[in-house]
């Protein structure tokens, strides 16, 4: 997957979890929780959806690397390169 495809998937998952989320105005370098109304359960739902869709493991100690949109893309780029 390309970086743009990964970015689109993350935004799609966020929109599925929070229908009211305004994903068009997201600053890629700011923490997602600060920009959207995401709580801990929403964050875990994002992780679980990534696991389910792509059969990838995301260890809990890596969760901080998923804080912003750009850090998510950076983290997932190597894990999703074969998709």
PDB file of N, CA and C in Angstrom:
ATOM      1  N   UNK A   1       0.837  -1.184   0.000  1.00  0.00           N
ATOM      2  CA  UNK A   1       0.000   0.000   0.000  1.00  0.00           C
ATOM      3  C   UNK A   1       0.877   1.241   0.000  1.00  0.00           C
ATOM      4  N   UNK A   2       0.390   2.257  -0.655  1.00  0.00           N
ATOM      5  CA  UNK A   2       1.109   3.528  -0.663  1.00  0.00           C
ATOM      6  C   UNK A   2       0.756   4.317   0.597  1.00  0.00           C
ATOM      7  N   UNK A   3       1.520   5.356   0.844  1.00  0.00           N
ATOM      8  CA  UNK A   3       1.250   6.217   1.991  1.00  0.00           C
ATOM      9  C   UNK A   3      -0.143   6.848   1.883  1.00  0.00           C
ATOM     10  N   UNK A   4      -0.519   7.253   0.669  1.00  0.00           N
ATOM     11  CA  UNK A   4      -1.837   7.854   0.470  1.00  0.00           C
ATOM     12  C   UNK A   4      -2.956   6.843   0.733  1.00  0.00           C
ATOM     13  N   UNK A   5      -2.756   5.604   0.331  1.00  0.00           N
ATOM     14  CA  UNK A   5      -3.759   4.564   0.579  1.00  0.00           C
ATOM     15  C   UNK A   5      -3.893   4.274   2.072  1.00  0.00           C
ATOM     16  N   UNK A   6      -2.767   4.227   2.765  1.00  0.00           N
ATOM     17  CA  UNK A   6      -2.798   4.000   4.219  1.00  0.00           C
ATOM     18  C   UNK A   6      -3.513   5.158   4.900  1.00  0.00           C
ATOM     19  N   UNK A   7      -3.199   6.366   4.487  1.00  0.00           N
ATOM     20  CA  UNK A   7      -3.847   7.559   5.030  1.00  0.00           C
ATOM     21  C   UNK A   7      -5.361   7.471   4.840  1.00  0.00           C
ATOM     22  N   UNK A   8      -5.787   7.093   3.644  1.00  0.00           N
ATOM     23  CA  UNK A   8      -7.219   6.987   3.342  1.00  0.00           C
ATOM     24  C   UNK A   8      -7.894   5.916   4.190  1.00  0.00           C
ATOM     25  N   UNK A   9      -7.219   4.794   4.405  1.00  0.00           N
ATOM     26  CA  UNK A   9      -7.774   3.713   5.222  1.00  0.00           C
ATOM     27  C   UNK A   9      -7.959   4.179   6.661  1.00  0.00           C
ATOM     28  N   UNK A  10      -6.985   4.864   7.193  1.00  0.00           N
ATOM     29  CA  UNK A  10      -7.081   5.347   8.578  1.00  0.00           C
ATOM     30  C   UNK A  10      -8.257   6.313   8.716  1.00  0.00           C
ATOM     31  N   UNK A  11      -8.380   7.228   7.770  1.00  0.00           N
ATOM     32  CA  UNK A  11      -9.489   8.185   7.819  1.00  0.00           C
ATOM     33  C   UNK A  11     -10.839   7.476   7.664  1.00  0.00           C
ATOM     34  N   UNK A  12     -10.883   6.452   6.832  1.00  0.00           N
ATOM     35  CA  UNK A  12     -12.111   5.672   6.654  1.00  0.00           C
ATOM     36  C   UNK A  12     -12.500   4.970   7.954  1.00  0.00           C
ATOM     37  N   UNK A  13     -11.523   4.375   8.612  1.00  0.00           N
ATOM     38  CA  UNK A  13     -11.791   3.690   9.884  1.00  0.00           C
ATOM     39  C   UNK A  13     -12.284   4.687  10.929  1.00  0.00           C
ATOM     40  N   UNK A  14     -11.653   5.849  10.996  1.00  0.00           N
ATOM     41  CA  UNK A  14     -12.082   6.878  11.953  1.00  0.00           C
ATOM     42  C   UNK A  14     -13.521   7.288  11.664  1.00  0.00           C
ATOM     43  N   UNK A  15     -13.849   7.502  10.394  1.00  0.00           N
ATOM     44  CA  UNK A  15     -15.209   7.903  10.023  1.00  0.00           C
ATOM     45  C   UNK A  15     -16.223   6.810  10.365  1.00  0.00           C
ATOM     46  N   UNK A  16     -15.835   5.552  10.230  1.00  0.00           N
ATOM     47  CA  UNK A  16     -16.722   4.448  10.589  1.00  0.00           C
ATOM     48  C   UNK A  16     -16.972   4.391  12.087  1.00  0.00           C
ATOM     49  N   UNK A  17     -15.954   4.697  12.867  1.00  0.00           N
ATOM     50  CA  UNK A  17     -16.060   4.633  14.326  1.00  0.00           C
ATOM     51  C   UNK A  17     -16.811   5.844  14.873  1.00  0.00           C
ATOM     52  N   UNK A  18     -16.528   7.013  14.315  1.00  0.00           N
ATOM     53  CA  UNK A  18     -17.156   8.258  14.771  1.00  0.00           C
ATOM     54  C   UNK A  18     -17.748   8.972  13.561  1.00  0.00           C
ATOM     55  N   UNK A  19     -19.027   8.754  13.331  1.00  0.00           N
ATOM     56  CA  UNK A  19     -19.688   9.316  12.155  1.00  0.00           C
ATOM     57  C   UNK A  19     -19.660  10.838  12.133  1.00  0.00           C
ATOM     58  N   UNK A  20     -19.508  11.462  13.286  1.00  0.00           N
ATOM     59  CA  UNK A  20     -19.483  12.919  13.367  1.00  0.00           C
ATOM     60  C   UNK A  20     -18.084  13.502  13.207  1.00  0.00           C
ATOM     61  N   UNK A  21     -17.094  12.649  13.085  1.00  0.00           N
ATOM     62  CA  UNK A  21     -15.707  13.119  12.976  1.00  0.00           C
ATOM     63  C   UNK A  21     -15.514  13.904  11.678  1.00  0.00           C
ATOM     64  N   UNK A  22     -14.901  15.051  11.800  1.00  0.00           N
ATOM     65  CA  UNK A  22     -14.598  15.890  10.647  1.00  0.00           C
ATOM     66  C   UNK A  22     -13.178  15.578  10.195  1.00  0.00           C
ATOM     67  N   UNK A  23     -13.049  14.602   9.311  1.00  0.00           N
ATOM     68  CA  UNK A  23     -11.725  14.116   8.920  1.00  0.00           C
ATOM     69  C   UNK A  23     -11.053  14.977   7.857  1.00  0.00           C
ATOM     70  N   UNK A  24     -11.765  15.899   7.247  1.00  0.00           N
ATOM     71  CA  UNK A  24     -11.158  16.724   6.195  1.00  0.00           C
ATOM     72  C   UNK A  24     -10.232  17.795   6.757  1.00  0.00           C
ATOM     73  N   UNK A  25     -10.405  18.147   8.010  1.00  0.00           N
ATOM     74  CA  UNK A  25      -9.608  19.223   8.617  1.00  0.00           C
ATOM     75  C   UNK A  25      -8.497  18.723   9.518  1.00  0.00           C
ATOM     76  N   UNK A  26      -8.169  17.457   9.442  1.00  0.00           N
ATOM     77  CA  UNK A  26      -7.163  16.890  10.338  1.00  0.00           C
ATOM     78  C   UNK A  26      -5.766  17.376   9.958  1.00  0.00           C
ATOM     79  N   UNK A  27      -5.047  17.856  10.975  1.00  0.00           N
ATOM     80  CA  UNK A  27      -3.636  18.194  10.814  1.00  0.00           C
ATOM     81  C   UNK A  27      -2.865  16.898  11.048  1.00  0.00           C
ATOM     82  N   UNK A  28      -2.155  16.447  10.033  1.00  0.00           N
ATOM     83  CA  UNK A  28      -1.496  15.136  10.080  1.00  0.00           C
ATOM     84  C   UNK A  28      -0.462  15.008  11.189  1.00  0.00           C
ATOM     85  N   UNK A  29       0.065  16.125  11.675  1.00  0.00           N
ATOM     86  CA  UNK A  29       1.120  16.073  12.677  1.00  0.00           C
ATOM     87  C   UNK A  29       0.635  16.285  14.114  1.00  0.00           C
ATOM     88  N   UNK A  30      -0.633  16.600  14.281  1.00  0.00           N
ATOM     89  CA  UNK A  30      -1.198  16.801  15.614  1.00  0.00           C
ATOM     90  C   UNK A  30      -1.841  15.503  16.099  1.00  0.00           C
ATOM     91  N   UNK A  31      -1.820  15.254  17.402  1.00  0.00           N
ATOM     92  CA  UNK A  31      -2.459  14.038  17.929  1.00  0.00           C
ATOM     93  C   UNK A  31      -3.942  13.971  17.526  1.00  0.00           C
ATOM     94  N   UNK A  32      -4.355  12.788  17.095  1.00  0.00           N
ATOM     95  CA  UNK A  32      -5.736  12.602  16.661  1.00  0.00           C
ATOM     96  C   UNK A  32      -6.718  12.852  17.799  1.00  0.00           C
ATOM     97  N   UNK A  33      -6.368  12.426  18.989  1.00  0.00           N
ATOM     98  CA  UNK A  33      -7.272  12.613  20.141  1.00  0.00           C
ATOM     99  C   UNK A  33      -7.525  14.084  20.427  1.00  0.00           C
ATOM    100  N   UNK A  34      -6.551  14.944  20.155  1.00  0.00           N
ATOM    101  CA  UNK A  34      -6.730  16.371  20.385  1.00  0.00           C
ATOM    102  C   UNK A  34      -7.626  17.009  19.320  1.00  0.00           C
ATOM    103  N   UNK A  35      -7.699  16.396  18.165  1.00  0.00           N
ATOM    104  CA  UNK A  35      -8.455  16.977  17.055  1.00  0.00           C
ATOM    105  C   UNK A  35      -9.862  16.389  16.912  1.00  0.00           C
ATOM    106  N   UNK A  36     -10.020  15.173  17.349  1.00  0.00           N
ATOM    107  CA  UNK A  36     -11.293  14.479  17.206  1.00  0.00           C
ATOM    108  C   UNK A  36     -11.802  14.064  18.579  1.00  0.00           C
ATOM    109  N   UNK A  37     -13.038  13.734  18.647  1.00  0.00           N
ATOM    110  CA  UNK A  37     -13.625  13.312  19.912  1.00  0.00           C
ATOM    111  C   UNK A  37     -13.433  11.805  20.077  1.00  0.00           C
ATOM    112  N   UNK A  38     -12.171  11.377  20.163  1.00  0.00           N
ATOM    113  CA  UNK A  38     -11.842   9.963  20.300  1.00  0.00           C
ATOM    114  C   UNK A  38     -11.452   9.666  21.738  1.00  0.00           C
ATOM    115  N   UNK A  39     -12.086   8.649  22.298  1.00  0.00           N
ATOM    116  CA  UNK A  39     -11.686   8.225  23.632  1.00  0.00           C
ATOM    117  C   UNK A  39     -10.834   6.960  23.520  1.00  0.00           C
ATOM    118  N   UNK A  40     -10.484   6.381  24.630  1.00  0.00           N
ATOM    119  CA  UNK A  40      -9.619   5.195  24.636  1.00  0.00           C
ATOM    120  C   UNK A  40     -10.238   4.031  23.876  1.00  0.00           C
ATOM    121  N   UNK A  41     -11.535   3.853  24.029  1.00  0.00           N
ATOM    122  CA  UNK A  41     -12.213   2.759  23.333  1.00  0.00           C
ATOM    123  C   UNK A  41     -12.220   2.981  21.826  1.00  0.00           C
ATOM    124  N   UNK A  42     -12.400   4.218  21.403  1.00  0.00           N
ATOM    125  CA  UNK A  42     -12.351   4.527  19.968  1.00  0.00           C
ATOM    126  C   UNK A  42     -10.975   4.203  19.407  1.00  0.00           C
ATOM    127  N   UNK A  43      -9.946   4.559  20.153  1.00  0.00           N
ATOM    128  CA  UNK A  43      -8.584   4.275  19.716  1.00  0.00           C
ATOM    129  C   UNK A  43      -8.373   2.763  19.579  1.00  0.00           C
ATOM    130  N   UNK A  44      -8.841   2.011  20.554  1.00  0.00           N
ATOM    131  CA  UNK A  44      -8.711   0.558  20.489  1.00  0.00           C
ATOM    132  C   UNK A  44      -9.511  -0.015  19.325  1.00  0.00           C
ATOM    133  N   UNK A  45     -10.654   0.584  19.028  1.00  0.00           N
ATOM    134  CA  UNK A  45     -11.448   0.152  17.872  1.00  0.00           C
ATOM    135  C   UNK A  45     -10.676   0.349  16.571  1.00  0.00           C
ATOM    136  N   UNK A  46      -9.927   1.439  16.477  1.00  0.00           N
ATOM    137  CA  UNK A  46      -9.097   1.690  15.292  1.00  0.00           C
ATOM    138  C   UNK A  46      -8.042   0.596  15.167  1.00  0.00           C
ATOM    139  N   UNK A  47      -7.368   0.315  16.262  1.00  0.00           N
ATOM    140  CA  UNK A  47      -6.333  -0.720  16.265  1.00  0.00           C
ATOM    141  C   UNK A  47      -6.931  -2.076  15.893  1.00  0.00           C
ATOM    142  N   UNK A  48      -8.067  -2.408  16.479  1.00  0.00           N
ATOM    143  CA  UNK A  48      -8.700  -3.702  16.208  1.00  0.00           C
ATOM    144  C   UNK A  48      -9.147  -3.814  14.748  1.00  0.00           C
ATOM    145  N   UNK A  49      -9.629  -2.730  14.191  1.00  0.00           N
ATOM    146  CA  UNK A  49     -10.049  -2.755  12.790  1.00  0.00           C
ATOM    147  C   UNK A  49      -8.841  -2.957  11.877  1.00  0.00           C
ATOM    148  N   UNK A  50      -7.730  -2.326  12.181  1.00  0.00           N
ATOM    149  CA  UNK A  50      -6.504  -2.541  11.397  1.00  0.00           C
ATOM    150  C   UNK A  50      -6.061  -3.993  11.489  1.00  0.00           C
ATOM    151  N   UNK A  51      -6.130  -4.547  12.684  1.00  0.00           N
ATOM    152  CA  UNK A  51      -5.773  -5.959  12.872  1.00  0.00           C
ATOM    153  C   UNK A  51      -6.680  -6.873  12.051  1.00  0.00           C
ATOM    154  N   UNK A  52      -7.982  -6.583  12.111  1.00  0.00           N
ATOM    155  CA  UNK A  52      -8.958  -7.423  11.427  1.00  0.00           C
ATOM    156  C   UNK A  52      -8.809  -7.342   9.899  1.00  0.00           C
ATOM    157  N   UNK A  53      -8.679  -6.142   9.390  1.00  0.00           N
ATOM    158  CA  UNK A  53      -8.601  -5.959   7.941  1.00  0.00           C
ATOM    159  C   UNK A  53      -7.322  -6.512   7.329  1.00  0.00           C
ATOM    160  N   UNK A  54      -6.205  -6.298   8.012  1.00  0.00           N
ATOM    161  CA  UNK A  54      -4.903  -6.593   7.402  1.00  0.00           C
ATOM    162  C   UNK A  54      -4.128  -7.695   8.102  1.00  0.00           C
ATOM    163  N   UNK A  55      -4.717  -8.286   9.136  1.00  0.00           N
ATOM    164  CA  UNK A  55      -4.065  -9.395   9.845  1.00  0.00           C
ATOM    165  C   UNK A  55      -2.668  -9.013  10.334  1.00  0.00           C
ATOM    166  N   UNK A  56      -2.555  -7.808  10.873  1.00  0.00           N
ATOM    167  CA  UNK A  56      -1.275  -7.350  11.410  1.00  0.00           C
ATOM    168  C   UNK A  56      -1.380  -7.260  12.931  1.00  0.00           C
ATOM    169  N   UNK A  57      -0.274  -7.421  13.578  1.00  0.00           N
ATOM    170  CA  UNK A  57      -0.208  -7.284  15.021  1.00  0.00           C
ATOM    171  C   UNK A  57       0.353  -5.907  15.361  1.00  0.00           C
ATOM    172  N   UNK A  58      -0.308  -5.244  16.277  1.00  0.00           N
ATOM    173  CA  UNK A  58       0.163  -3.954  16.771  1.00  0.00           C
ATOM    174  C   UNK A  58       0.278  -4.083  18.282  1.00  0.00           C
ATOM    175  N   UNK A  59       1.497  -4.293  18.768  1.00  0.00           N
ATOM    176  CA  UNK A  59       1.679  -4.454  20.220  1.00  0.00           C
ATOM    177  C   UNK A  59       1.304  -3.178  20.973  1.00  0.00           C
ATOM    178  N   UNK A  60       0.827  -3.355  22.167  1.00  0.00           N
ATOM    179  CA  UNK A  60       0.389  -2.216  22.982  1.00  0.00           C
ATOM    180  C   UNK A  60       1.507  -1.182  23.171  1.00  0.00           C
ATOM    181  N   UNK A  61       2.734  -1.647  23.257  1.00  0.00           N
ATOM    182  CA  UNK A  61       3.838  -0.694  23.447  1.00  0.00           C
ATOM    183  C   UNK A  61       4.058   0.189  22.213  1.00  0.00           C
ATOM    184  N   UNK A  62       3.467  -0.190  21.078  1.00  0.00           N
ATOM    185  CA  UNK A  62       3.580   0.622  19.862  1.00  0.00           C
ATOM    186  C   UNK A  62       2.447   1.632  19.718  1.00  0.00           C
ATOM    187  N   UNK A  63       1.457   1.589  20.570  1.00  0.00           N
ATOM    188  CA  UNK A  63       0.312   2.497  20.457  1.00  0.00           C
ATOM    189  C   UNK A  63       0.703   3.978  20.392  1.00  0.00           C
ATOM    190  N   UNK A  64       1.710   4.432  21.148  1.00  0.00           N
ATOM    191  CA  UNK A  64       2.092   5.844  21.035  1.00  0.00           C
ATOM    192  C   UNK A  64       2.514   6.253  19.622  1.00  0.00           C
ATOM    193  N   UNK A  65       2.966   5.295  18.829  1.00  0.00           N
ATOM    194  CA  UNK A  65       3.367   5.594  17.457  1.00  0.00           C
ATOM    195  C   UNK A  65       2.161   5.824  16.548  1.00  0.00           C
ATOM    196  N   UNK A  66       0.965   5.611  17.074  1.00  0.00           N
ATOM    197  CA  UNK A  66      -0.262   5.807  16.308  1.00  0.00           C
ATOM    198  C   UNK A  66      -1.002   7.075  16.734  1.00  0.00           C
ATOM    199  N   UNK A  67      -0.316   7.955  17.407  1.00  0.00           N
ATOM    200  CA  UNK A  67      -0.967   9.135  17.975  1.00  0.00           C
ATOM    201  C   UNK A  67      -1.481  10.117  16.921  1.00  0.00           C
ATOM    202  N   UNK A  68      -0.688  10.390  15.905  1.00  0.00           N
ATOM    203  CA  UNK A  68      -1.101  11.335  14.863  1.00  0.00           C
ATOM    204  C   UNK A  68      -1.298  10.592  13.547  1.00  0.00           C
ATOM    205  N   UNK A  69      -1.930  11.255  12.609  1.00  0.00           N
ATOM    206  CA  UNK A  69      -2.157  10.635  11.313  1.00  0.00           C
ATOM    207  C   UNK A  69      -0.840  10.315  10.620  1.00  0.00           C
ATOM    208  N   UNK A  70       0.101  11.246  10.649  1.00  0.00           N
ATOM    209  CA  UNK A  70       1.387  10.995   9.980  1.00  0.00           C
ATOM    210  C   UNK A  70       2.184   9.899  10.680  1.00  0.00           C
ATOM    211  N   UNK A  71       2.126   9.851  12.010  1.00  0.00           N
ATOM    212  CA  UNK A  71       2.850   8.787  12.706  1.00  0.00           C
ATOM    213  C   UNK A  71       2.191   7.426  12.454  1.00  0.00           C
ATOM    214  N   UNK A  72       0.874   7.401  12.309  1.00  0.00           N
ATOM    215  CA  UNK A  72       0.175   6.154  11.938  1.00  0.00           C
ATOM    216  C   UNK A  72       0.655   5.663  10.583  1.00  0.00           C
ATOM    217  N   UNK A  73       0.693   6.561   9.624  1.00  0.00           N
ATOM    218  CA  UNK A  73       1.126   6.188   8.279  1.00  0.00           C
ATOM    219  C   UNK A  73       2.565   5.696   8.320  1.00  0.00           C
ATOM    220  N   UNK A  74       3.424   6.409   9.026  1.00  0.00           N
ATOM    221  CA  UNK A  74       4.828   5.988   9.135  1.00  0.00           C
ATOM    222  C   UNK A  74       4.943   4.597   9.745  1.00  0.00           C
ATOM    223  N   UNK A  75       4.190   4.358  10.799  1.00  0.00           N
ATOM    224  CA  UNK A  75       4.243   3.074  11.492  1.00  0.00           C
ATOM    225  C   UNK A  75       3.708   1.950  10.606  1.00  0.00           C
ATOM    226  N   UNK A  76       2.595   2.192   9.945  1.00  0.00           N
ATOM    227  CA  UNK A  76       1.929   1.144   9.173  1.00  0.00           C
ATOM    228  C   UNK A  76       2.547   0.901   7.796  1.00  0.00           C
ATOM    229  N   UNK A  77       3.326   1.830   7.315  1.00  0.00           N
ATOM    230  CA  UNK A  77       3.884   1.708   5.963  1.00  0.00           C
ATOM    231  C   UNK A  77       4.645   0.402   5.770  1.00  0.00           C
ATOM    232  N   UNK A  78       5.514   0.056   6.676  1.00  0.00           N
ATOM    233  CA  UNK A  78       6.277  -1.196   6.522  1.00  0.00           C
ATOM    234  C   UNK A  78       5.417  -2.431   6.762  1.00  0.00           C
ATOM    235  N   UNK A  79       4.436  -2.314   7.651  1.00  0.00           N
ATOM    236  CA  UNK A  79       3.569  -3.456   7.947  1.00  0.00           C
ATOM    237  C   UNK A  79       2.603  -3.772   6.801  1.00  0.00           C
ATOM    238  N   UNK A  80       2.263  -2.750   6.013  1.00  0.00           N
ATOM    239  CA  UNK A  80       1.265  -2.923   4.957  1.00  0.00           C
ATOM    240  C   UNK A  80       1.875  -2.880   3.558  1.00  0.00           C
ATOM    241  N   UNK A  81       3.170  -2.979   3.462  1.00  0.00           N
ATOM    242  CA  UNK A  81       3.825  -2.854   2.149  1.00  0.00           C
ATOM    243  C   UNK A  81       3.408  -3.933   1.157  1.00  0.00           C
ATOM    244  N   UNK A  82       2.965  -5.076   1.641  1.00  0.00           N
ATOM    245  CA  UNK A  82       2.605  -6.179   0.745  1.00  0.00           C
ATOM    246  C   UNK A  82       1.127  -6.214   0.393  1.00  0.00           C
ATOM    247  N   UNK A  83       0.371  -5.215   0.822  1.00  0.00           N
ATOM    248  CA  UNK A  83      -1.066  -5.191   0.512  1.00  0.00           C
ATOM    249  C   UNK A  83      -1.342  -4.347  -0.704  1.00  0.00           C
TER     250      UNK A  83
END
